[in-house]
N, C-alpha and C. Protein backbone atom coordinates (compact mmCIF):
# COMPACT_ATOMS: atom_id res chain seq x y z
N MET A 1 0.82 -1.20 0.00
CA MET A 1 0.00 0.00 0.00
C MET A 1 0.86 1.26 0.00
N GLU A 2 1.92 1.21 0.82
CA GLU A 2 2.83 2.36 0.87
C GLU A 2 3.50 2.60 -0.48
N LEU A 3 3.87 1.52 -1.16
CA LEU A 3 4.49 1.66 -2.48
C LEU A 3 3.52 2.27 -3.48
N GLU A 4 2.28 1.83 -3.44
CA GLU A 4 1.28 2.36 -4.36
C GLU A 4 0.96 3.82 -4.05
N LEU A 5 0.96 4.18 -2.76
CA LEU A 5 0.74 5.58 -2.39
C LEU A 5 1.85 6.47 -2.93
N ASP A 6 3.09 5.97 -2.82
CA ASP A 6 4.22 6.73 -3.34
C ASP A 6 4.10 6.93 -4.85
N LYS A 7 3.51 5.92 -5.53
CA LYS A 7 3.37 6.01 -6.98
C LYS A 7 2.09 6.73 -7.40
N GLY A 8 1.22 7.01 -6.40
CA GLY A 8 -0.04 7.66 -6.72
C GLY A 8 -1.09 6.72 -7.26
N GLY A 9 -0.94 5.43 -7.01
CA GLY A 9 -1.90 4.44 -7.53
C GLY A 9 -3.10 4.31 -6.62
N ILE A 10 -3.99 5.30 -6.67
CA ILE A 10 -5.13 5.36 -5.75
C ILE A 10 -6.06 4.16 -5.91
N SER A 11 -6.33 3.77 -7.14
CA SER A 11 -7.25 2.64 -7.35
C SER A 11 -6.70 1.35 -6.75
N GLU A 12 -5.38 1.15 -6.85
CA GLU A 12 -4.75 -0.04 -6.27
C GLU A 12 -4.78 0.03 -4.75
N VAL A 13 -4.62 1.24 -4.22
CA VAL A 13 -4.68 1.43 -2.77
C VAL A 13 -6.07 1.06 -2.24
N ARG A 14 -7.11 1.49 -3.00
CA ARG A 14 -8.47 1.16 -2.60
C ARG A 14 -8.68 -0.36 -2.59
N SER A 15 -8.15 -1.04 -3.57
CA SER A 15 -8.26 -2.49 -3.66
C SER A 15 -7.56 -3.16 -2.49
N LEU A 16 -6.35 -2.68 -2.19
CA LEU A 16 -5.59 -3.24 -1.07
C LEU A 16 -6.30 -2.99 0.26
N THR A 17 -6.90 -1.81 0.40
CA THR A 17 -7.63 -1.48 1.63
C THR A 17 -8.79 -2.45 1.84
N SER A 18 -9.49 -2.74 0.75
CA SER A 18 -10.61 -3.69 0.82
C SER A 18 -10.12 -5.07 1.25
N ASP A 19 -8.98 -5.50 0.69
CA ASP A 19 -8.41 -6.80 1.06
C ASP A 19 -8.02 -6.85 2.52
N ILE A 20 -7.42 -5.77 3.01
CA ILE A 20 -6.98 -5.72 4.41
C ILE A 20 -8.18 -5.79 5.35
N LYS A 21 -9.24 -5.08 5.01
CA LYS A 21 -10.46 -5.12 5.84
C LYS A 21 -11.02 -6.54 5.90
N ALA A 22 -11.08 -7.19 4.74
CA ALA A 22 -11.59 -8.56 4.68
C ALA A 22 -10.72 -9.50 5.50
N ASN A 23 -9.39 -9.33 5.39
CA ASN A 23 -8.46 -10.18 6.15
C ASN A 23 -8.64 -9.98 7.65
N GLN A 24 -8.79 -8.72 8.06
CA GLN A 24 -8.96 -8.43 9.48
C GLN A 24 -10.24 -9.07 10.03
N GLN A 25 -11.30 -9.02 9.23
CA GLN A 25 -12.55 -9.64 9.66
C GLN A 25 -12.39 -11.15 9.84
N LYS A 26 -11.69 -11.79 8.88
CA LYS A 26 -11.45 -13.23 8.97
C LYS A 26 -10.60 -13.57 10.19
N ILE A 27 -9.55 -12.77 10.43
CA ILE A 27 -8.68 -12.99 11.59
C ILE A 27 -9.49 -12.90 12.87
N SER A 28 -10.37 -11.89 12.94
CA SER A 28 -11.21 -11.71 14.12
C SER A 28 -12.16 -12.89 14.31
N GLN A 29 -12.81 -13.32 13.21
CA GLN A 29 -13.75 -14.44 13.30
C GLN A 29 -13.06 -15.72 13.76
N HIS A 30 -11.91 -16.02 13.17
CA HIS A 30 -11.20 -17.25 13.53
C HIS A 30 -10.62 -17.17 14.94
N GLY A 31 -10.21 -15.96 15.33
CA GLY A 31 -9.71 -15.77 16.70
C GLY A 31 -10.79 -16.02 17.73
N LYS A 32 -11.99 -15.50 17.46
CA LYS A 32 -13.10 -15.70 18.39
C LYS A 32 -13.50 -17.18 18.44
N ARG A 33 -13.48 -17.83 17.28
CA ARG A 33 -13.82 -19.26 17.24
C ARG A 33 -12.80 -20.08 18.01
N ALA A 34 -11.51 -19.75 17.84
CA ALA A 34 -10.46 -20.46 18.58
C ALA A 34 -10.64 -20.28 20.08
N ASP A 35 -10.98 -19.05 20.49
CA ASP A 35 -11.22 -18.76 21.90
C ASP A 35 -12.39 -19.58 22.43
N PHE A 36 -13.46 -19.67 21.63
CA PHE A 36 -14.65 -20.42 22.01
C PHE A 36 -14.32 -21.91 22.18
N ILE A 37 -13.54 -22.43 21.24
CA ILE A 37 -13.18 -23.85 21.29
C ILE A 37 -12.28 -24.15 22.50
N VAL A 38 -11.31 -23.28 22.75
CA VAL A 38 -10.40 -23.49 23.89
C VAL A 38 -11.18 -23.47 25.20
N LYS A 39 -12.12 -22.53 25.33
CA LYS A 39 -12.93 -22.48 26.55
C LYS A 39 -13.77 -23.76 26.68
N GLY A 40 -14.28 -24.24 25.53
CA GLY A 40 -15.03 -25.49 25.55
C GLY A 40 -14.18 -26.66 25.97
N MET A 41 -12.93 -26.69 25.49
CA MET A 41 -12.01 -27.77 25.86
C MET A 41 -11.71 -27.74 27.36
N LEU A 42 -11.55 -26.54 27.89
CA LEU A 42 -11.27 -26.42 29.33
C LEU A 42 -12.46 -26.92 30.14
N GLN A 43 -13.67 -26.56 29.69
CA GLN A 43 -14.87 -27.06 30.37
C GLN A 43 -14.95 -28.57 30.29
N HIS A 44 -14.58 -29.09 29.13
CA HIS A 44 -14.67 -30.53 28.89
C HIS A 44 -13.73 -31.31 29.79
N SER A 45 -12.54 -30.75 30.01
CA SER A 45 -11.53 -31.49 30.77
C SER A 45 -11.59 -31.22 32.27
N ARG A 46 -12.27 -30.14 32.65
CA ARG A 46 -12.28 -29.76 34.06
C ARG A 46 -13.23 -30.65 34.86
N ALA A 47 -12.74 -31.17 35.96
CA ALA A 47 -13.61 -31.94 36.85
C ALA A 47 -14.54 -30.98 37.57
N SER A 48 -15.79 -31.37 37.71
CA SER A 48 -16.76 -30.50 38.36
C SER A 48 -16.43 -30.34 39.84
N SER A 49 -16.51 -29.09 40.30
CA SER A 49 -16.25 -28.81 41.72
C SER A 49 -17.55 -28.67 42.50
N GLY A 50 -18.70 -28.76 41.77
CA GLY A 50 -19.98 -28.60 42.43
C GLY A 50 -20.36 -29.82 43.24
N GLU A 51 -21.20 -29.59 44.21
CA GLU A 51 -21.68 -30.68 45.05
C GLU A 51 -23.06 -31.11 44.61
N LYS A 52 -23.31 -32.40 44.73
CA LYS A 52 -24.63 -32.91 44.40
C LYS A 52 -25.60 -32.53 45.51
N GLN A 53 -26.79 -32.14 45.09
CA GLN A 53 -27.82 -31.78 46.06
C GLN A 53 -29.19 -32.17 45.54
N PRO A 54 -30.14 -32.45 46.44
CA PRO A 54 -31.49 -32.82 46.00
C PRO A 54 -32.07 -31.74 45.10
N THR A 55 -32.50 -32.12 43.91
CA THR A 55 -32.92 -31.14 42.90
C THR A 55 -34.26 -31.51 42.29
N ASN A 56 -35.10 -30.50 42.13
CA ASN A 56 -36.36 -30.67 41.42
C ASN A 56 -36.08 -30.50 39.93
N ILE A 57 -36.01 -31.60 39.21
CA ILE A 57 -35.65 -31.56 37.80
C ILE A 57 -36.69 -30.81 36.97
N ASN A 58 -37.96 -30.87 37.38
CA ASN A 58 -39.00 -30.13 36.66
C ASN A 58 -38.71 -28.64 36.64
N VAL A 59 -38.33 -28.11 37.78
CA VAL A 59 -38.04 -26.67 37.89
C VAL A 59 -36.79 -26.33 37.08
N LEU A 60 -35.77 -27.18 37.20
CA LEU A 60 -34.51 -26.94 36.48
C LEU A 60 -34.74 -27.00 34.97
N ALA A 61 -35.48 -28.00 34.51
CA ALA A 61 -35.72 -28.17 33.08
C ALA A 61 -36.54 -27.00 32.53
N ASP A 62 -37.56 -26.59 33.26
CA ASP A 62 -38.40 -25.48 32.81
C ASP A 62 -37.60 -24.19 32.71
N GLU A 63 -36.73 -23.98 33.68
CA GLU A 63 -35.89 -22.77 33.70
C GLU A 63 -34.98 -22.71 32.48
N PHE A 64 -34.32 -23.83 32.14
CA PHE A 64 -33.39 -23.82 31.01
C PHE A 64 -34.12 -23.88 29.67
N PHE A 65 -35.33 -24.41 29.66
CA PHE A 65 -36.16 -24.38 28.45
C PHE A 65 -36.44 -22.92 28.06
N LYS A 66 -36.88 -22.15 29.04
CA LYS A 66 -37.18 -20.74 28.79
C LYS A 66 -35.92 -19.94 28.49
N LEU A 67 -34.85 -20.24 29.22
CA LEU A 67 -33.58 -19.53 29.02
C LEU A 67 -33.08 -19.74 27.59
N SER A 68 -33.14 -20.96 27.10
CA SER A 68 -32.69 -21.27 25.75
C SER A 68 -33.53 -20.54 24.71
N PHE A 69 -34.85 -20.61 24.86
CA PHE A 69 -35.75 -19.99 23.89
C PHE A 69 -35.52 -18.48 23.80
N HIS A 70 -35.50 -17.82 24.96
CA HIS A 70 -35.35 -16.36 24.95
C HIS A 70 -33.95 -15.93 24.52
N GLY A 71 -32.96 -16.78 24.81
CA GLY A 71 -31.59 -16.49 24.35
C GLY A 71 -31.50 -16.51 22.83
N LEU A 72 -32.15 -17.50 22.22
CA LEU A 72 -32.15 -17.60 20.75
C LEU A 72 -32.98 -16.50 20.12
N ARG A 73 -34.09 -16.13 20.77
CA ARG A 73 -34.93 -15.05 20.26
C ARG A 73 -34.18 -13.71 20.30
N ALA A 74 -33.32 -13.57 21.30
CA ALA A 74 -32.55 -12.32 21.39
C ALA A 74 -31.55 -12.20 20.24
N LYS A 75 -31.04 -13.34 19.79
CA LYS A 75 -30.07 -13.35 18.67
C LYS A 75 -30.76 -13.23 17.32
N ASP A 76 -31.96 -13.83 17.22
CA ASP A 76 -32.67 -13.88 15.94
C ASP A 76 -34.16 -13.64 16.18
N LYS A 77 -34.62 -12.43 15.90
CA LYS A 77 -36.01 -12.06 16.17
C LYS A 77 -37.00 -12.88 15.35
N SER A 78 -36.54 -13.42 14.21
CA SER A 78 -37.44 -14.20 13.36
C SER A 78 -37.64 -15.62 13.88
N PHE A 79 -36.79 -16.05 14.83
CA PHE A 79 -36.88 -17.41 15.36
C PHE A 79 -38.15 -17.59 16.19
N ASN A 80 -38.81 -18.72 15.98
CA ASN A 80 -39.97 -19.04 16.81
C ASN A 80 -40.18 -20.56 16.79
N ALA A 81 -40.74 -21.07 17.84
CA ALA A 81 -41.04 -22.50 17.92
C ALA A 81 -42.04 -22.71 19.04
N GLU A 82 -42.85 -23.75 18.90
CA GLU A 82 -43.78 -24.10 19.96
C GLU A 82 -43.04 -24.87 21.04
N MET A 83 -43.26 -24.49 22.29
CA MET A 83 -42.63 -25.15 23.42
C MET A 83 -43.68 -25.99 24.14
N VAL A 84 -43.44 -27.30 24.21
CA VAL A 84 -44.39 -28.22 24.83
C VAL A 84 -43.73 -28.89 26.03
N THR A 85 -44.40 -28.89 27.17
CA THR A 85 -43.86 -29.55 28.36
C THR A 85 -44.83 -30.61 28.89
N HIS A 86 -44.28 -31.73 29.31
CA HIS A 86 -45.04 -32.79 30.00
C HIS A 86 -44.21 -33.17 31.22
N PHE A 87 -44.43 -32.48 32.32
CA PHE A 87 -43.66 -32.71 33.54
C PHE A 87 -44.42 -33.63 34.49
N ASP A 88 -43.74 -34.65 34.96
CA ASP A 88 -44.31 -35.59 35.93
C ASP A 88 -44.56 -34.84 37.24
N PRO A 89 -45.83 -34.68 37.66
CA PRO A 89 -46.12 -33.92 38.88
C PRO A 89 -45.63 -34.60 40.15
N ASP A 90 -45.37 -35.90 40.08
CA ASP A 90 -44.91 -36.66 41.24
C ASP A 90 -43.42 -36.99 41.16
N LEU A 91 -42.69 -36.24 40.34
CA LEU A 91 -41.27 -36.52 40.15
C LEU A 91 -40.51 -36.31 41.46
N PRO A 92 -39.81 -37.34 41.95
CA PRO A 92 -39.02 -37.16 43.17
C PRO A 92 -37.76 -36.35 42.89
N LYS A 93 -37.22 -35.74 43.92
CA LYS A 93 -35.96 -35.03 43.77
C LYS A 93 -34.82 -36.03 43.57
N VAL A 94 -33.78 -35.57 42.87
CA VAL A 94 -32.65 -36.44 42.60
C VAL A 94 -31.36 -35.69 42.92
N ASN A 95 -30.37 -36.40 43.45
CA ASN A 95 -29.09 -35.77 43.79
C ASN A 95 -28.24 -35.55 42.54
N VAL A 96 -28.06 -34.30 42.15
CA VAL A 96 -27.25 -33.96 40.99
C VAL A 96 -26.48 -32.67 41.25
N VAL A 97 -25.45 -32.45 40.43
CA VAL A 97 -24.78 -31.15 40.42
C VAL A 97 -25.62 -30.26 39.51
N GLN A 98 -26.33 -29.32 40.10
CA GLN A 98 -27.35 -28.56 39.36
C GLN A 98 -26.78 -27.84 38.14
N GLN A 99 -25.62 -27.17 38.30
CA GLN A 99 -25.08 -26.41 37.17
C GLN A 99 -24.65 -27.32 36.03
N ASP A 100 -24.22 -28.54 36.37
CA ASP A 100 -23.80 -29.48 35.32
C ASP A 100 -25.00 -30.04 34.55
N ILE A 101 -26.03 -30.47 35.27
CA ILE A 101 -27.22 -30.98 34.59
C ILE A 101 -27.91 -29.83 33.83
N GLY A 102 -27.85 -28.64 34.38
CA GLY A 102 -28.38 -27.47 33.68
C GLY A 102 -27.66 -27.25 32.36
N ARG A 103 -26.35 -27.45 32.37
CA ARG A 103 -25.55 -27.29 31.14
C ARG A 103 -25.94 -28.34 30.10
N VAL A 104 -26.19 -29.57 30.56
CA VAL A 104 -26.63 -30.63 29.65
C VAL A 104 -27.97 -30.27 29.02
N LEU A 105 -28.92 -29.85 29.86
CA LEU A 105 -30.24 -29.49 29.36
C LEU A 105 -30.15 -28.35 28.35
N LEU A 106 -29.33 -27.36 28.67
CA LEU A 106 -29.18 -26.22 27.76
C LEU A 106 -28.60 -26.65 26.42
N ASN A 107 -27.60 -27.53 26.46
CA ASN A 107 -27.02 -28.05 25.22
C ASN A 107 -28.06 -28.76 24.36
N LEU A 108 -28.81 -29.66 24.98
CA LEU A 108 -29.79 -30.45 24.24
C LEU A 108 -30.94 -29.59 23.71
N ILE A 109 -31.40 -28.66 24.53
CA ILE A 109 -32.51 -27.79 24.11
C ILE A 109 -32.06 -26.83 23.01
N ASN A 110 -30.86 -26.26 23.17
CA ASN A 110 -30.33 -25.39 22.12
C ASN A 110 -30.23 -26.13 20.79
N ASN A 111 -29.74 -27.37 20.84
CA ASN A 111 -29.62 -28.18 19.63
C ASN A 111 -31.00 -28.45 19.00
N ALA A 112 -31.98 -28.71 19.87
CA ALA A 112 -33.33 -28.98 19.37
C ALA A 112 -33.92 -27.75 18.68
N PHE A 113 -33.75 -26.59 19.30
CA PHE A 113 -34.24 -25.35 18.69
C PHE A 113 -33.50 -25.06 17.38
N TYR A 114 -32.21 -25.33 17.37
CA TYR A 114 -31.42 -25.14 16.15
C TYR A 114 -31.95 -26.05 15.03
N ALA A 115 -32.26 -27.28 15.37
CA ALA A 115 -32.73 -28.26 14.38
C ALA A 115 -34.06 -27.82 13.76
N VAL A 116 -35.00 -27.38 14.59
CA VAL A 116 -36.30 -26.98 14.04
C VAL A 116 -36.18 -25.68 13.25
N ASN A 117 -35.28 -24.79 13.70
CA ASN A 117 -35.07 -23.53 12.98
C ASN A 117 -34.49 -23.78 11.60
N GLN A 118 -33.56 -24.75 11.50
CA GLN A 118 -32.96 -25.09 10.21
C GLN A 118 -34.01 -25.69 9.27
N LYS A 119 -34.87 -26.56 9.81
CA LYS A 119 -35.89 -27.18 8.98
C LYS A 119 -36.92 -26.15 8.51
N ALA A 120 -37.22 -25.18 9.38
CA ALA A 120 -38.21 -24.16 9.05
C ALA A 120 -37.79 -23.33 7.84
N LYS A 121 -36.49 -23.24 7.60
CA LYS A 121 -35.98 -22.43 6.49
C LYS A 121 -36.29 -23.06 5.13
N THR A 122 -36.51 -24.37 5.11
CA THR A 122 -36.74 -25.05 3.83
C THR A 122 -38.10 -25.76 3.76
N ALA A 123 -38.73 -25.98 4.91
CA ALA A 123 -40.02 -26.67 4.93
C ALA A 123 -41.13 -25.74 4.44
N GLY A 124 -42.27 -26.32 4.14
CA GLY A 124 -43.40 -25.54 3.67
C GLY A 124 -44.09 -24.79 4.80
N VAL A 125 -45.12 -24.06 4.45
CA VAL A 125 -45.83 -23.22 5.42
C VAL A 125 -46.58 -24.06 6.45
N ASP A 126 -46.83 -25.32 6.13
CA ASP A 126 -47.55 -26.18 7.07
C ASP A 126 -46.67 -26.70 8.21
N TYR A 127 -45.36 -26.53 8.07
CA TYR A 127 -44.44 -27.03 9.11
C TYR A 127 -44.53 -26.17 10.37
N LYS A 128 -44.66 -26.81 11.51
CA LYS A 128 -44.76 -26.11 12.79
C LYS A 128 -43.59 -26.53 13.69
N PRO A 129 -42.53 -25.70 13.79
CA PRO A 129 -41.38 -26.05 14.63
C PRO A 129 -41.81 -26.30 16.07
N THR A 130 -41.45 -27.47 16.60
CA THR A 130 -41.89 -27.83 17.95
C THR A 130 -40.76 -28.52 18.71
N VAL A 131 -40.57 -28.10 19.94
CA VAL A 131 -39.62 -28.75 20.84
C VAL A 131 -40.39 -29.17 22.09
N GLU A 132 -40.23 -30.43 22.45
CA GLU A 132 -40.98 -30.99 23.57
C GLU A 132 -40.03 -31.44 24.68
N LEU A 133 -40.40 -31.12 25.91
CA LEU A 133 -39.59 -31.49 27.07
C LEU A 133 -40.47 -32.31 28.01
N ARG A 134 -40.00 -33.50 28.37
CA ARG A 134 -40.82 -34.42 29.15
C ARG A 134 -40.00 -35.02 30.30
N THR A 135 -40.61 -35.15 31.46
CA THR A 135 -39.95 -35.83 32.59
C THR A 135 -40.86 -36.94 33.11
N SER A 136 -40.21 -37.99 33.65
CA SER A 136 -40.95 -39.09 34.26
C SER A 136 -40.00 -39.84 35.19
N HIS A 137 -40.53 -40.79 35.94
CA HIS A 137 -39.66 -41.62 36.78
C HIS A 137 -40.17 -43.05 36.80
N ASN A 138 -39.21 -43.97 36.81
CA ASN A 138 -39.56 -45.39 36.77
C ASN A 138 -38.33 -46.23 37.06
N ASN A 139 -38.51 -47.33 37.76
CA ASN A 139 -37.43 -48.30 38.01
C ASN A 139 -36.16 -47.66 38.59
N GLY A 140 -36.35 -46.71 39.52
CA GLY A 140 -35.20 -46.12 40.20
C GLY A 140 -34.47 -45.06 39.39
N PHE A 141 -35.07 -44.61 38.30
CA PHE A 141 -34.45 -43.58 37.46
C PHE A 141 -35.41 -42.43 37.20
N ILE A 142 -34.84 -41.26 37.05
CA ILE A 142 -35.59 -40.12 36.52
C ILE A 142 -35.24 -40.00 35.05
N GLU A 143 -36.25 -39.84 34.23
CA GLU A 143 -36.03 -39.76 32.78
C GLU A 143 -36.38 -38.37 32.28
N ILE A 144 -35.50 -37.82 31.46
CA ILE A 144 -35.73 -36.52 30.82
C ILE A 144 -35.63 -36.73 29.32
N LYS A 145 -36.64 -36.25 28.59
CA LYS A 145 -36.64 -36.37 27.13
C LYS A 145 -36.72 -34.99 26.48
N VAL A 146 -35.84 -34.77 25.52
CA VAL A 146 -35.86 -33.54 24.73
C VAL A 146 -36.11 -33.95 23.28
N LYS A 147 -37.28 -33.57 22.77
CA LYS A 147 -37.70 -34.04 21.45
C LYS A 147 -37.95 -32.86 20.51
N ASP A 148 -37.51 -33.00 19.26
CA ASP A 148 -37.78 -31.96 18.26
C ASP A 148 -38.31 -32.61 16.98
N ASN A 149 -38.94 -31.80 16.14
CA ASN A 149 -39.42 -32.30 14.85
C ASN A 149 -38.61 -31.66 13.71
N GLY A 150 -37.29 -31.58 13.94
CA GLY A 150 -36.38 -31.03 12.95
C GLY A 150 -36.03 -32.05 11.88
N ASN A 151 -34.85 -31.91 11.31
CA ASN A 151 -34.45 -32.76 10.19
C ASN A 151 -33.92 -34.13 10.61
N GLY A 152 -33.72 -34.34 11.90
CA GLY A 152 -33.22 -35.63 12.36
C GLY A 152 -31.74 -35.82 12.11
N ILE A 153 -31.22 -36.96 12.55
CA ILE A 153 -29.79 -37.26 12.45
C ILE A 153 -29.61 -38.44 11.50
N PRO A 154 -28.79 -38.28 10.47
CA PRO A 154 -28.55 -39.40 9.55
C PRO A 154 -27.98 -40.61 10.29
N GLU A 155 -28.40 -41.80 9.89
CA GLU A 155 -27.95 -43.05 10.53
C GLU A 155 -26.43 -43.16 10.51
N SER A 156 -25.81 -42.64 9.45
CA SER A 156 -24.36 -42.78 9.27
C SER A 156 -23.54 -42.03 10.31
N ILE A 157 -24.15 -41.04 10.99
CA ILE A 157 -23.36 -40.26 11.96
C ILE A 157 -23.87 -40.38 13.40
N LYS A 158 -24.89 -41.20 13.62
CA LYS A 158 -25.46 -41.33 14.97
C LYS A 158 -24.41 -41.70 16.01
N GLU A 159 -23.50 -42.60 15.62
CA GLU A 159 -22.50 -43.07 16.58
C GLU A 159 -21.40 -42.05 16.82
N LYS A 160 -21.35 -41.01 15.99
CA LYS A 160 -20.26 -40.03 16.10
C LYS A 160 -20.65 -38.77 16.86
N ILE A 161 -21.95 -38.55 17.03
CA ILE A 161 -22.39 -37.22 17.49
C ILE A 161 -21.92 -36.87 18.90
N MET A 162 -21.56 -37.86 19.72
CA MET A 162 -21.10 -37.56 21.06
C MET A 162 -19.58 -37.62 21.19
N GLN A 163 -18.90 -37.72 20.04
CA GLN A 163 -17.44 -37.67 20.05
C GLN A 163 -16.98 -36.21 20.10
N PRO A 164 -15.90 -35.93 20.84
CA PRO A 164 -15.38 -34.55 20.90
C PRO A 164 -15.06 -34.02 19.51
N PHE A 165 -15.46 -32.76 19.27
CA PHE A 165 -15.17 -32.00 18.05
C PHE A 165 -15.99 -32.43 16.83
N PHE A 166 -16.88 -33.42 16.98
CA PHE A 166 -17.72 -33.77 15.85
C PHE A 166 -18.95 -32.87 15.86
N THR A 167 -19.19 -32.17 14.77
CA THR A 167 -20.36 -31.28 14.68
C THR A 167 -20.93 -31.32 13.28
N THR A 168 -22.24 -31.17 13.20
CA THR A 168 -22.91 -31.09 11.90
C THR A 168 -23.21 -29.64 11.54
N LYS A 169 -22.90 -28.73 12.45
CA LYS A 169 -23.19 -27.32 12.21
C LYS A 169 -22.11 -26.69 11.33
N PRO A 170 -22.45 -25.62 10.61
CA PRO A 170 -21.46 -24.94 9.78
C PRO A 170 -20.32 -24.37 10.62
N THR A 171 -19.18 -24.14 10.00
CA THR A 171 -18.03 -23.54 10.68
C THR A 171 -18.44 -22.25 11.36
N GLY A 172 -18.06 -22.15 12.63
CA GLY A 172 -18.37 -20.94 13.39
C GLY A 172 -19.63 -21.05 14.22
N GLU A 173 -20.44 -22.09 13.99
CA GLU A 173 -21.71 -22.23 14.72
C GLU A 173 -21.69 -23.34 15.76
N GLY A 174 -20.65 -24.16 15.75
CA GLY A 174 -20.58 -25.24 16.75
C GLY A 174 -19.16 -25.70 16.95
N THR A 175 -18.85 -26.12 18.18
CA THR A 175 -17.49 -26.58 18.49
C THR A 175 -17.37 -28.09 18.45
N GLY A 176 -18.51 -28.79 18.49
CA GLY A 176 -18.45 -30.24 18.57
C GLY A 176 -18.15 -30.73 19.97
N LEU A 177 -18.36 -29.85 20.97
CA LEU A 177 -18.07 -30.24 22.36
C LEU A 177 -19.34 -30.35 23.22
N GLY A 178 -20.46 -29.80 22.75
CA GLY A 178 -21.68 -29.78 23.56
C GLY A 178 -22.17 -31.16 23.94
N LEU A 179 -22.34 -32.04 22.96
CA LEU A 179 -22.85 -33.38 23.25
C LEU A 179 -21.81 -34.25 23.94
N SER A 180 -20.55 -34.05 23.58
CA SER A 180 -19.48 -34.79 24.24
C SER A 180 -19.42 -34.45 25.73
N LEU A 181 -19.52 -33.17 26.02
CA LEU A 181 -19.53 -32.71 27.41
C LEU A 181 -20.76 -33.23 28.13
N SER A 182 -21.90 -33.20 27.45
CA SER A 182 -23.15 -33.70 28.05
C SER A 182 -23.03 -35.18 28.40
N TYR A 183 -22.42 -35.94 27.50
CA TYR A 183 -22.21 -37.37 27.74
C TYR A 183 -21.36 -37.60 28.98
N ASP A 184 -20.27 -36.85 29.10
CA ASP A 184 -19.38 -37.01 30.25
C ASP A 184 -20.09 -36.66 31.56
N ILE A 185 -20.88 -35.58 31.53
CA ILE A 185 -21.58 -35.15 32.75
C ILE A 185 -22.60 -36.21 33.19
N VAL A 186 -23.39 -36.71 32.24
CA VAL A 186 -24.44 -37.67 32.58
C VAL A 186 -23.86 -39.03 32.95
N VAL A 187 -22.97 -39.55 32.12
CA VAL A 187 -22.48 -40.92 32.30
C VAL A 187 -21.36 -40.99 33.34
N LYS A 188 -20.35 -40.16 33.20
CA LYS A 188 -19.21 -40.22 34.11
C LYS A 188 -19.45 -39.47 35.42
N GLY A 189 -20.19 -38.38 35.33
CA GLY A 189 -20.40 -37.56 36.53
C GLY A 189 -21.58 -37.98 37.37
N HIS A 190 -22.60 -38.64 36.74
CA HIS A 190 -23.81 -38.96 37.48
C HIS A 190 -24.25 -40.42 37.35
N ASP A 191 -23.39 -41.26 36.76
CA ASP A 191 -23.71 -42.68 36.59
C ASP A 191 -25.04 -42.89 35.85
N GLY A 192 -25.33 -41.97 34.94
CA GLY A 192 -26.58 -42.05 34.20
C GLY A 192 -26.39 -42.59 32.80
N ILE A 193 -27.43 -42.43 31.99
CA ILE A 193 -27.43 -42.93 30.61
C ILE A 193 -27.96 -41.81 29.72
N ILE A 194 -27.34 -41.62 28.56
CA ILE A 194 -27.87 -40.68 27.57
C ILE A 194 -27.94 -41.40 26.22
N GLN A 195 -29.09 -41.33 25.60
CA GLN A 195 -29.32 -42.03 24.33
C GLN A 195 -30.00 -41.08 23.35
N VAL A 196 -29.97 -41.44 22.08
CA VAL A 196 -30.66 -40.65 21.07
C VAL A 196 -31.49 -41.58 20.19
N ASP A 197 -32.70 -41.13 19.90
CA ASP A 197 -33.59 -41.84 18.98
C ASP A 197 -33.93 -40.85 17.87
N SER A 198 -33.52 -41.14 16.66
CA SER A 198 -33.72 -40.18 15.58
C SER A 198 -33.94 -40.88 14.25
N THR A 199 -34.82 -40.29 13.45
CA THR A 199 -35.05 -40.74 12.09
C THR A 199 -34.82 -39.55 11.17
N GLU A 200 -33.95 -39.72 10.21
CA GLU A 200 -33.63 -38.62 9.31
C GLU A 200 -34.90 -38.09 8.64
N GLY A 201 -35.10 -36.80 8.76
CA GLY A 201 -36.27 -36.15 8.18
C GLY A 201 -37.42 -35.99 9.14
N ASN A 202 -37.38 -36.72 10.28
CA ASN A 202 -38.52 -36.71 11.21
C ASN A 202 -38.18 -36.26 12.63
N GLY A 203 -37.00 -35.71 12.83
CA GLY A 203 -36.67 -35.18 14.15
C GLY A 203 -35.85 -36.12 15.02
N SER A 204 -35.56 -35.65 16.22
CA SER A 204 -34.71 -36.40 17.15
C SER A 204 -35.27 -36.33 18.56
N GLU A 205 -34.91 -37.33 19.36
CA GLU A 205 -35.27 -37.34 20.77
C GLU A 205 -34.06 -37.81 21.57
N PHE A 206 -33.60 -36.95 22.48
CA PHE A 206 -32.51 -37.31 23.39
C PHE A 206 -33.13 -37.70 24.72
N ILE A 207 -32.67 -38.83 25.25
CA ILE A 207 -33.23 -39.40 26.48
C ILE A 207 -32.14 -39.52 27.53
N ILE A 208 -32.37 -38.90 28.67
CA ILE A 208 -31.43 -38.95 29.80
C ILE A 208 -32.07 -39.73 30.93
N ASN A 209 -31.34 -40.67 31.50
CA ASN A 209 -31.78 -41.37 32.69
C ASN A 209 -30.79 -41.14 33.82
N LEU A 210 -31.28 -40.63 34.94
CA LEU A 210 -30.43 -40.36 36.09
C LEU A 210 -30.89 -41.24 37.26
N PRO A 211 -29.97 -41.97 37.90
CA PRO A 211 -30.37 -42.83 39.02
C PRO A 211 -30.82 -42.01 40.23
N LEU A 212 -31.91 -42.47 40.86
CA LEU A 212 -32.40 -41.76 42.05
C LEU A 212 -31.46 -41.94 43.22
N LYS A 213 -30.75 -43.07 43.25
CA LYS A 213 -29.78 -43.31 44.31
C LYS A 213 -28.38 -43.23 43.72
N SER A 214 -27.57 -42.26 44.15
CA SER A 214 -26.23 -42.10 43.59
C SER A 214 -25.23 -41.89 44.71
């Protein structure tokens, strides 16, 4: 640029300025993404310091359901989805690390809202984006289900979705750590089970089982 300025090449200077601006934007975007991924890695590897305490999962789930919805609405005013809840009124309290299970719920609900939002962009006017949250208890376990009517998960990648860094989202929209972290919290941190039931084109359902005695 300095050489072109010395030569009076204004048009070339303008072109170089445009390139520099574009490069700076890319550097900023990739820097922020790297920061996001590193923070996710630290969360993934850090052992939880929270203590388990008797928790009303209905209250926790409802809180993070609303938090996720309003958080996405704040980012995208055009986003909308029907929120359906089926909470077991007799659900017993369960000993969990509240912030960790809250993080799992937020991950799963965010993914569900993302899935229905993506489908809404290409589906017809009859499509009604819906995310359903359900709790129940049976055989010594509390069960939490997060269901969406999005595009579903292809059979070929079902076994990969909980691996670290695996993501189906476009670059910059996902780190591939949310489900991996959720798996570690539920299975390793709470001796629970997390499963997925999905049919490509017809949505997904994530099922968490947490033992009442831990």
